Amino acid sequence: GRFVEKKGFDVMLRALAILMERGYDFKVELAGSGEQEKTLKRLAKQLGLAERMHFPGWVKEAQSFLEEVDIFCLPSLHEPFGIVLLEAMASKLPIVTTDTEGPVEIITHEEDGLIVPKGDADAMADALARLLENEDYARGLASQALHRARTGYEMDRICAHMTSVLDGIVSHYQPYAAAS
């Protein structure tokens, strides 16, 4: 993602530091770029995460990137929709995200992902720990996420829904008669 404040990557780094303090072993791929890149790299170093983190920059092929990860985390403080969330769902990944606008419309907590309060590093660490500790639970969430992506967000379904909405609008639209 874009390394800007509203994406909450600093919160995710703090959550990862909590996991590290608890003794979890992990590696992190934080893909993206932006104005906070140096700040995030500095914070990762300060938190002792530098050896566990890789910053590959912008990823041109999201699918191949997502095939290489085991858990997807979207730590946004503000996220109106989140195409990347749908990409993670379609990649059958267990997901931790925040209670921001878009994710709460897409993810159902504990059905196809885990939703934590935005800005809460402790809650994010707890959710990530649940997925790390229970592979079966993580796989179940990932399977449900894939199902939801396929049944609710595939192109044919979205096009049919948009067509229906537009047809409804057009059928109720009556142009104003020109005054003579």
C-alpha atoms as a PDB file:
ATOM      1  CA  GLY A   1       0.000   0.000   0.000  1.00  0.00           C
ATOM      2  CA  ARG A   2       0.856   3.645   0.069  1.00  0.00           C
ATOM      3  CA  PHE A   3       3.077   4.414   3.026  1.00  0.00           C
ATOM      4  CA  VAL A   4       0.991   7.257   4.400  1.00  0.00           C
ATOM      5  CA  GLU A   5      -0.280   7.820   7.940  1.00  0.00           C
ATOM      6  CA  LYS A   6      -3.891   6.775   7.279  1.00  0.00           C
ATOM      7  CA  LYS A   7      -2.777   3.274   6.236  1.00  0.00           C
ATOM      8  CA  GLY A   8      -1.738   2.472   9.835  1.00  0.00           C
ATOM      9  CA  PHE A   9       1.467   0.608   9.037  1.00  0.00           C
ATOM     10  CA  ASP A  10       3.065   2.030  12.180  1.00  0.00           C
ATOM     11  CA  VAL A  11       0.305   0.352  14.217  1.00  0.00           C
ATOM     12  CA  MET A  12       1.025  -2.941  12.476  1.00  0.00           C
ATOM     13  CA  LEU A  13       4.730  -2.599  13.274  1.00  0.00           C
ATOM     14  CA  ARG A  14       3.888  -2.044  16.935  1.00  0.00           C
ATOM     15  CA  ALA A  15       1.649  -5.143  16.850  1.00  0.00           C
ATOM     16  CA  LEU A  16       4.504  -7.142  15.349  1.00  0.00           C
ATOM     17  CA  ALA A  17       6.824  -5.917  18.109  1.00  0.00           C
ATOM     18  CA  ILE A  18       4.295  -7.220  20.648  1.00  0.00           C
ATOM     19  CA  LEU A  19       4.266 -10.600  18.891  1.00  0.00           C
ATOM     20  CA  MET A  20       8.055 -10.668  18.895  1.00  0.00           C
ATOM     21  CA  GLU A  21       8.100  -9.900  22.646  1.00  0.00           C
ATOM     22  CA  ARG A  22       5.692 -12.821  23.137  1.00  0.00           C
ATOM     23  CA  GLY A  23       8.137 -15.130  21.367  1.00  0.00           C
ATOM     24  CA  TYR A  24       6.441 -15.602  17.991  1.00  0.00           C
ATOM     25  CA  ASP A  25       8.665 -16.354  15.023  1.00  0.00           C
ATOM     26  CA  PHE A  26       7.661 -14.643  11.778  1.00  0.00           C
ATOM     27  CA  LYS A  27       8.854 -12.758   8.727  1.00  0.00           C
ATOM     28  CA  VAL A  28       7.053  -9.778   7.228  1.00  0.00           C
ATOM     29  CA  GLU A  29       6.742  -8.511   3.661  1.00  0.00           C
ATOM     30  CA  LEU A  30       5.601  -4.896   3.756  1.00  0.00           C
ATOM     31  CA  ALA A  31       4.975  -3.990   0.136  1.00  0.00           C
ATOM     32  CA  GLY A  32       4.485  -0.435  -1.031  1.00  0.00           C
ATOM     33  CA  SER A  33       6.118   2.949  -0.998  1.00  0.00           C
ATOM     34  CA  GLY A  34       5.389   6.511  -0.018  1.00  0.00           C
ATOM     35  CA  GLU A  35       6.217   9.471   2.126  1.00  0.00           C
ATOM     36  CA  GLN A  36       6.501   7.433   5.345  1.00  0.00           C
ATOM     37  CA  GLU A  37       8.836   4.758   3.979  1.00  0.00           C
ATOM     38  CA  LYS A  38      11.942   6.028   5.799  1.00  0.00           C
ATOM     39  CA  THR A  39       9.920   6.542   8.980  1.00  0.00           C
ATOM     40  CA  LEU A  40       8.543   2.997   8.837  1.00  0.00           C
ATOM     41  CA  LYS A  41      11.977   1.500   8.208  1.00  0.00           C
ATOM     42  CA  ARG A  42      13.381   3.513  11.117  1.00  0.00           C
ATOM     43  CA  LEU A  43      10.501   2.397  13.370  1.00  0.00           C
ATOM     44  CA  ALA A  44      11.031  -1.250  12.354  1.00  0.00           C
ATOM     45  CA  LYS A  45      14.679  -0.909  13.359  1.00  0.00           C
ATOM     46  CA  GLN A  46      13.815   0.820  16.664  1.00  0.00           C
ATOM     47  CA  LEU A  47      11.329  -1.939  17.497  1.00  0.00           C
ATOM     48  CA  GLY A  48      13.892  -4.661  16.745  1.00  0.00           C
ATOM     49  CA  LEU A  49      12.001  -5.887  13.688  1.00  0.00           C
ATOM     50  CA  ALA A  50      14.526  -5.017  10.967  1.00  0.00           C
ATOM     51  CA  GLU A  51      15.848  -8.590  10.659  1.00  0.00           C
ATOM     52  CA  ARG A  52      12.323  -9.958  10.283  1.00  0.00           C
ATOM     53  CA  MET A  53      11.127  -7.408   7.725  1.00  0.00           C
ATOM     54  CA  HIS A  54      11.482  -6.981   4.003  1.00  0.00           C
ATOM     55  CA  PHE A  55      10.325  -3.886   2.133  1.00  0.00           C
ATOM     56  CA  PRO A  56      10.077  -5.008  -1.526  1.00  0.00           C
ATOM     57  CA  GLY A  57       8.650  -1.691  -2.764  1.00  0.00           C
ATOM     58  CA  TRP A  58       5.632  -1.544  -5.066  1.00  0.00           C
ATOM     59  CA  VAL A  59       4.388  -4.918  -6.198  1.00  0.00           C
ATOM     60  CA  LYS A  60       3.215  -4.900  -9.794  1.00  0.00           C
ATOM     61  CA  GLU A  61       1.671  -8.374  -9.700  1.00  0.00           C
ATOM     62  CA  ALA A  62      -0.437  -8.611  -6.540  1.00  0.00           C
ATOM     63  CA  GLN A  63      -1.462 -12.228  -7.156  1.00  0.00           C
ATOM     64  CA  SER A  64       2.090 -13.574  -7.205  1.00  0.00           C
ATOM     65  CA  PHE A  65       2.972 -11.518  -4.123  1.00  0.00           C
ATOM     66  CA  LEU A  66      -0.056 -12.799  -2.212  1.00  0.00           C
ATOM     67  CA  GLU A  67       0.792 -16.395  -3.127  1.00  0.00           C
ATOM     68  CA  GLU A  68       3.987 -15.984  -1.082  1.00  0.00           C
ATOM     69  CA  VAL A  69       2.357 -14.896   2.196  1.00  0.00           C
ATOM     70  CA  ASP A  70       0.507 -16.853   4.869  1.00  0.00           C
ATOM     71  CA  ILE A  71      -1.512 -14.088   6.585  1.00  0.00           C
ATOM     72  CA  PHE A  72      -2.716 -10.767   5.207  1.00  0.00           C
ATOM     73  CA  CYS A  73      -3.010  -7.715   7.444  1.00  0.00           C
ATOM     74  CA  LEU A  74      -4.703  -4.458   6.413  1.00  0.00           C
ATOM     75  CA  PRO A  75      -4.024  -2.069   9.345  1.00  0.00           C
ATOM     76  CA  SER A  76      -5.699   1.042   7.891  1.00  0.00           C
ATOM     77  CA  LEU A  77      -6.939   3.905  10.035  1.00  0.00           C
ATOM     78  CA  HIS A  78      -9.144   4.967   7.095  1.00  0.00           C
ATOM     79  CA  GLU A  79     -10.043   2.618   4.230  1.00  0.00           C
ATOM     80  CA  PRO A  80     -13.078   3.467   2.096  1.00  0.00           C
ATOM     81  CA  PHE A  81     -13.148   0.134   0.230  1.00  0.00           C
ATOM     82  CA  GLY A  82      -9.919  -1.803  -0.156  1.00  0.00           C
ATOM     83  CA  ILE A  83      -9.432  -3.643  -3.436  1.00  0.00           C
ATOM     84  CA  VAL A  84      -6.353  -5.226  -1.865  1.00  0.00           C
ATOM     85  CA  LEU A  85      -8.649  -6.818   0.712  1.00  0.00           C
ATOM     86  CA  LEU A  86     -10.648  -8.494  -2.067  1.00  0.00           C
ATOM     87  CA  GLU A  87      -7.386  -9.643  -3.666  1.00  0.00           C
ATOM     88  CA  ALA A  88      -6.325 -11.235  -0.366  1.00  0.00           C
ATOM     89  CA  MET A  89      -9.725 -12.919  -0.029  1.00  0.00           C
ATOM     90  CA  ALA A  90      -9.501 -14.251  -3.592  1.00  0.00           C
ATOM     91  CA  SER A  91      -6.023 -15.572  -2.731  1.00  0.00           C
ATOM     92  CA  LYS A  92      -7.539 -17.616   0.115  1.00  0.00           C
ATOM     93  CA  LEU A  93      -5.593 -15.851   2.852  1.00  0.00           C
ATOM     94  CA  PRO A  94      -6.593 -15.478   6.481  1.00  0.00           C
ATOM     95  CA  ILE A  95      -7.103 -11.753   7.085  1.00  0.00           C
ATOM     96  CA  VAL A  96      -6.728  -9.308   9.948  1.00  0.00           C
ATOM     97  CA  THR A  97      -8.114  -5.858   9.224  1.00  0.00           C
ATOM     98  CA  THR A  98      -9.504  -2.862  11.067  1.00  0.00           C
ATOM     99  CA  ASP A  99     -12.995  -1.571  11.750  1.00  0.00           C
ATOM    100  CA  THR A 100     -12.746   1.078   9.061  1.00  0.00           C
ATOM    101  CA  GLU A 101     -15.450   1.917   6.529  1.00  0.00           C
ATOM    102  CA  GLY A 102     -14.659  -0.481   3.693  1.00  0.00           C
ATOM    103  CA  PRO A 103     -13.414  -3.567   5.529  1.00  0.00           C
ATOM    104  CA  VAL A 104     -16.495  -3.749   7.784  1.00  0.00           C
ATOM    105  CA  GLU A 105     -18.656  -3.807   4.646  1.00  0.00           C
ATOM    106  CA  ILE A 106     -16.587  -6.630   3.151  1.00  0.00           C
ATOM    107  CA  ILE A 107     -15.430  -8.805   6.069  1.00  0.00           C
ATOM    108  CA  THR A 108     -17.641 -10.446   8.675  1.00  0.00           C
ATOM    109  CA  HIS A 109     -15.695 -10.748  11.923  1.00  0.00           C
ATOM    110  CA  GLU A 110     -14.814 -14.334  12.799  1.00  0.00           C
ATOM    111  CA  GLU A 111     -16.541 -15.670   9.668  1.00  0.00           C
ATOM    112  CA  ASP A 112     -14.159 -14.690   6.870  1.00  0.00           C
ATOM    113  CA  GLY A 113     -11.589 -12.584   8.695  1.00  0.00           C
ATOM    114  CA  LEU A 114     -10.772 -10.854  11.945  1.00  0.00           C
ATOM    115  CA  ILE A 115     -11.622  -7.202  12.531  1.00  0.00           C
ATOM    116  CA  VAL A 116      -9.850  -5.182  15.215  1.00  0.00           C
ATOM    117  CA  PRO A 117     -10.304  -1.575  16.363  1.00  0.00           C
ATOM    118  CA  LYS A 118      -8.301   0.801  14.195  1.00  0.00           C
ATOM    119  CA  GLY A 119      -5.146   2.054  15.865  1.00  0.00           C
ATOM    120  CA  ASP A 120      -5.127  -0.748  18.465  1.00  0.00           C
ATOM    121  CA  ALA A 121      -1.753  -2.532  18.246  1.00  0.00           C
ATOM    122  CA  ASP A 122      -2.575  -4.871  21.141  1.00  0.00           C
ATOM    123  CA  ALA A 123      -5.808  -6.074  19.516  1.00  0.00           C
ATOM    124  CA  MET A 124      -4.015  -6.497  16.196  1.00  0.00           C
ATOM    125  CA  ALA A 125      -1.276  -8.530  17.877  1.00  0.00           C
ATOM    126  CA  ASP A 126      -3.909 -10.714  19.559  1.00  0.00           C
ATOM    127  CA  ALA A 127      -5.700 -11.334  16.248  1.00  0.00           C
ATOM    128  CA  LEU A 128      -2.477 -12.176  14.435  1.00  0.00           C
ATOM    129  CA  ALA A 129      -1.517 -14.502  17.304  1.00  0.00           C
ATOM    130  CA  ARG A 130      -4.854 -16.342  16.969  1.00  0.00           C
ATOM    131  CA  LEU A 131      -4.074 -17.058  13.336  1.00  0.00           C
ATOM    132  CA  LEU A 132      -0.479 -18.068  14.055  1.00  0.00           C
ATOM    133  CA  GLU A 133      -1.540 -20.396  16.873  1.00  0.00           C
ATOM    134  CA  ASN A 134      -4.439 -22.095  15.139  1.00  0.00           C
ATOM    135  CA  GLU A 135      -3.806 -23.121  11.536  1.00  0.00           C
ATOM    136  CA  ASP A 136      -7.172 -24.848  11.211  1.00  0.00           C
ATOM    137  CA  TYR A 137      -9.005 -21.710  12.332  1.00  0.00           C
ATOM    138  CA  ALA A 138      -6.903 -19.596   9.948  1.00  0.00           C
ATOM    139  CA  ARG A 139      -7.603 -21.980   7.051  1.00  0.00           C
ATOM    140  CA  GLY A 140     -11.340 -21.905   7.831  1.00  0.00           C
ATOM    141  CA  LEU A 141     -11.425 -18.099   7.743  1.00  0.00           C
ATOM    142  CA  ALA A 142      -9.426 -18.143   4.500  1.00  0.00           C
ATOM    143  CA  SER A 143     -11.832 -20.625   2.881  1.00  0.00           C
ATOM    144  CA  GLN A 144     -14.810 -18.499   3.879  1.00  0.00           C
ATOM    145  CA  ALA A 145     -13.045 -15.380   2.558  1.00  0.00           C
ATOM    146  CA  LEU A 146     -12.482 -17.076  -0.791  1.00  0.00           C
ATOM    147  CA  HIS A 147     -16.136 -18.150  -0.912  1.00  0.00           C
ATOM    148  CA  ARG A 148     -17.288 -14.617  -0.111  1.00  0.00           C
ATOM    149  CA  ALA A 149     -14.998 -13.137  -2.769  1.00  0.00           C
ATOM    150  CA  ARG A 150     -16.320 -15.579  -5.363  1.00  0.00           C
ATOM    151  CA  THR A 151     -19.984 -15.232  -4.511  1.00  0.00           C
ATOM    152  CA  GLY A 152     -20.114 -11.538  -3.778  1.00  0.00           C
ATOM    153  CA  TYR A 153     -17.395  -9.790  -5.719  1.00  0.00           C
ATOM    154  CA  GLU A 154     -16.686 -11.561  -8.998  1.00  0.00           C
ATOM    155  CA  MET A 155     -17.010  -9.384 -12.097  1.00  0.00           C
ATOM    156  CA  ASP A 156     -20.184 -11.033 -13.460  1.00  0.00           C
ATOM    157  CA  ARG A 157     -21.982 -10.618 -10.143  1.00  0.00           C
ATOM    158  CA  ILE A 158     -20.848  -6.997  -9.711  1.00  0.00           C
ATOM    159  CA  CYS A 159     -21.873  -6.132 -13.290  1.00  0.00           C
ATOM    160  CA  ALA A 160     -25.297  -7.717 -12.833  1.00  0.00           C
ATOM    161  CA  HIS A 161     -25.808  -5.822  -9.574  1.00  0.00           C
ATOM    162  CA  MET A 162     -24.728  -2.497 -11.089  1.00  0.00           C
ATOM    163  CA  THR A 163     -26.986  -3.065 -14.102  1.00  0.00           C
ATOM    164  CA  SER A 164     -29.916  -3.761 -11.791  1.00  0.00           C
ATOM    165  CA  VAL A 165     -29.246  -0.606  -9.768  1.00  0.00           C
ATOM    166  CA  LEU A 166     -28.887   1.532 -12.896  1.00  0.00           C
ATOM    167  CA  ASP A 167     -32.057   0.042 -14.424  1.00  0.00           C
ATOM    168  CA  GLY A 168     -33.920   0.938 -11.233  1.00  0.00           C
ATOM    169  CA  ILE A 169     -32.677   4.512 -11.366  1.00  0.00           C
ATOM    170  CA  VAL A 170     -33.537   4.913 -15.053  1.00  0.00           C
ATOM    171  CA  SER A 171     -37.033   3.431 -14.600  1.00  0.00           C
ATOM    172  CA  HIS A 172     -37.797   6.008 -11.915  1.00  0.00           C
ATOM    173  CA  TYR A 173     -36.324   8.947 -13.765  1.00  0.00           C
ATOM    174  CA  GLN A 174     -38.815  11.188 -15.518  1.00  0.00           C
ATOM    175  CA  PRO A 175     -37.290  14.096 -17.347  1.00  0.00           C
ATOM    176  CA  TYR A 176     -38.763  17.460 -16.666  1.00  0.00           C
ATOM    177  CA  ALA A 177     -41.087  18.653 -19.420  1.00  0.00           C
ATOM    178  CA  ALA A 178     -39.722  21.625 -21.264  1.00  0.00           C
ATOM    179  CA  ALA A 179     -41.646  24.786 -20.458  1.00  0.00           C
ATOM    180  CA  SER A 180     -43.124  26.556 -23.472  1.00  0.00           C
END
